Amino acid sequence: MNDRVNCDGCAYSQDTPIDPNNLTAARMLTCRRYPPVPVAMHTPQGVMIQTLYPMVTKANWCGEYLDTRTVSYAKEGGA
């Protein structure tokens, strides 16, 4: 697990706004690696479709990036 770069250090993540109703809640990140996805939201007027980026925690990891500072290529079977 030490060879992973988590979402907190990813170039595609962005902090979400602070929740004014819960100031002690952990801050989430918005993952902008892929396009936003449509989400159906129920409102008093009916169903509304909105596109949203996925929400991730700072410890999440998508598997696309390896931290080359801690992974040697010889360890992965290279020269």
C-alpha atoms as a PDB file:
ATOM      1  CA  MET A   1       0.000   0.000   0.000  1.00  0.00           C
ATOM      2  CA  ASN A   2       3.005   2.298   0.338  1.00  0.00           C
ATOM      3  CA  ASP A   3       3.391   2.421  -3.452  1.00  0.00           C
ATOM      4  CA  ARG A   4       0.023   4.132  -3.970  1.00  0.00           C
ATOM      5  CA  VAL A   5      -0.714   7.802  -4.495  1.00  0.00           C
ATOM      6  CA  ASN A   6      -3.995   8.570  -2.789  1.00  0.00           C
ATOM      7  CA  CYS A   7      -6.634  11.060  -3.905  1.00  0.00           C
ATOM      8  CA  ASP A   8      -5.365  13.727  -1.531  1.00  0.00           C
ATOM      9  CA  GLY A   9      -2.232  14.174  -3.665  1.00  0.00           C
ATOM     10  CA  CYS A  10      -3.851  13.678  -7.084  1.00  0.00           C
ATOM     11  CA  ALA A  11      -3.892  16.483  -9.659  1.00  0.00           C
ATOM     12  CA  TYR A  12      -7.511  15.638 -10.553  1.00  0.00           C
ATOM     13  CA  SER A  13      -8.948  16.030  -7.045  1.00  0.00           C
ATOM     14  CA  GLN A  14     -10.414  19.214  -5.632  1.00  0.00           C
ATOM     15  CA  ASP A  15     -11.615  20.034  -2.120  1.00  0.00           C
ATOM     16  CA  THR A  16     -15.360  20.320  -1.662  1.00  0.00           C
ATOM     17  CA  PRO A  17     -16.822  23.315   0.164  1.00  0.00           C
ATOM     18  CA  ILE A  18     -17.010  23.181   3.954  1.00  0.00           C
ATOM     19  CA  ASP A  19     -20.430  22.101   5.205  1.00  0.00           C
ATOM     20  CA  PRO A  20     -21.675  25.022   7.348  1.00  0.00           C
ATOM     21  CA  ASN A  21     -24.107  22.680   9.134  1.00  0.00           C
ATOM     22  CA  ASN A  22     -21.327  20.303  10.196  1.00  0.00           C
ATOM     23  CA  LEU A  23     -17.991  22.075  10.583  1.00  0.00           C
ATOM     24  CA  THR A  24     -16.318  19.028  12.147  1.00  0.00           C
ATOM     25  CA  ALA A  25     -17.133  16.714   9.219  1.00  0.00           C
ATOM     26  CA  ALA A  26     -14.230  15.393   7.207  1.00  0.00           C
ATOM     27  CA  ARG A  27     -13.774  17.245   3.927  1.00  0.00           C
ATOM     28  CA  MET A  28     -14.475  15.246   0.810  1.00  0.00           C
ATOM     29  CA  LEU A  29     -12.801  15.594  -2.560  1.00  0.00           C
ATOM     30  CA  THR A  30     -14.327  15.889  -6.009  1.00  0.00           C
ATOM     31  CA  CYS A  31     -12.650  13.546  -8.499  1.00  0.00           C
ATOM     32  CA  ARG A  32     -12.338  15.206 -11.905  1.00  0.00           C
ATOM     33  CA  ARG A  33     -10.415  12.379 -13.570  1.00  0.00           C
ATOM     34  CA  TYR A  34     -13.419  11.411 -15.701  1.00  0.00           C
ATOM     35  CA  PRO A  35     -16.443  13.418 -16.934  1.00  0.00           C
ATOM     36  CA  PRO A  36     -19.332  14.009 -14.508  1.00  0.00           C
ATOM     37  CA  VAL A  37     -22.110  11.439 -14.427  1.00  0.00           C
ATOM     38  CA  PRO A  38     -25.880  12.120 -14.552  1.00  0.00           C
ATOM     39  CA  VAL A  39     -27.686  11.770 -11.237  1.00  0.00           C
ATOM     40  CA  ALA A  40     -31.468  11.803 -10.668  1.00  0.00           C
ATOM     41  CA  MET A  41     -32.434  14.057  -7.755  1.00  0.00           C
ATOM     42  CA  HIS A  42     -35.927  14.108  -6.295  1.00  0.00           C
ATOM     43  CA  THR A  43     -37.314  17.591  -5.679  1.00  0.00           C
ATOM     44  CA  PRO A  44     -40.772  18.835  -4.651  1.00  0.00           C
ATOM     45  CA  GLN A  45     -41.358  19.739  -8.311  1.00  0.00           C
ATOM     46  CA  GLY A  46     -40.387  16.264  -9.555  1.00  0.00           C
ATOM     47  CA  VAL A  47     -37.211  14.561 -10.681  1.00  0.00           C
ATOM     48  CA  MET A  48     -34.288  16.703 -11.759  1.00  0.00           C
ATOM     49  CA  ILE A  49     -31.287  15.327 -13.659  1.00  0.00           C
ATOM     50  CA  GLN A  50     -27.974  16.912 -12.749  1.00  0.00           C
ATOM     51  CA  THR A  51     -24.406  15.956 -13.640  1.00  0.00           C
ATOM     52  CA  LEU A  52     -21.992  15.545 -10.752  1.00  0.00           C
ATOM     53  CA  TYR A  53     -18.388  14.508 -10.311  1.00  0.00           C
ATOM     54  CA  PRO A  54     -17.824  11.534  -7.977  1.00  0.00           C
ATOM     55  CA  MET A  55     -17.083  12.308  -4.331  1.00  0.00           C
ATOM     56  CA  VAL A  56     -14.090  10.533  -2.793  1.00  0.00           C
ATOM     57  CA  THR A  57     -12.258  10.604   0.508  1.00  0.00           C
ATOM     58  CA  LYS A  58      -8.651  11.752   0.806  1.00  0.00           C
ATOM     59  CA  ALA A  59      -7.541   8.151   1.399  1.00  0.00           C
ATOM     60  CA  ASN A  60      -9.195   6.734  -1.756  1.00  0.00           C
ATOM     61  CA  TRP A  61      -7.091   5.506  -4.651  1.00  0.00           C
ATOM     62  CA  CYS A  62      -8.287   4.887  -8.216  1.00  0.00           C
ATOM     63  CA  GLY A  63      -5.401   2.684  -9.294  1.00  0.00           C
ATOM     64  CA  GLU A  64      -4.293   4.845 -12.199  1.00  0.00           C
ATOM     65  CA  TYR A  65      -1.253   6.448 -10.627  1.00  0.00           C
ATOM     66  CA  LEU A  66       1.787   4.994  -8.945  1.00  0.00           C
ATOM     67  CA  ASP A  67       4.171   7.062  -6.879  1.00  0.00           C
ATOM     68  CA  THR A  68       7.437   6.572  -8.764  1.00  0.00           C
ATOM     69  CA  ARG A  69       9.393   7.832  -5.762  1.00  0.00           C
ATOM     70  CA  THR A  70       8.644   4.620  -3.834  1.00  0.00           C
ATOM     71  CA  VAL A  71       8.256   2.038  -6.626  1.00  0.00           C
ATOM     72  CA  SER A  72      11.409   0.756  -8.293  1.00  0.00           C
ATOM     73  CA  TYR A  73      11.118  -0.657 -11.791  1.00  0.00           C
ATOM     74  CA  ALA A  74      13.407  -3.566 -10.883  1.00  0.00           C
ATOM     75  CA  LYS A  75      10.876  -4.523  -8.210  1.00  0.00           C
ATOM     76  CA  GLU A  76       8.180  -4.701 -10.908  1.00  0.00           C
ATOM     77  CA  GLY A  77      10.245  -7.042 -13.087  1.00  0.00           C
ATOM     78  CA  GLY A  78      12.111  -4.441 -15.143  1.00  0.00           C
ATOM     79  CA  ALA A  79      15.859  -4.420 -15.901  1.00  0.00           C
END
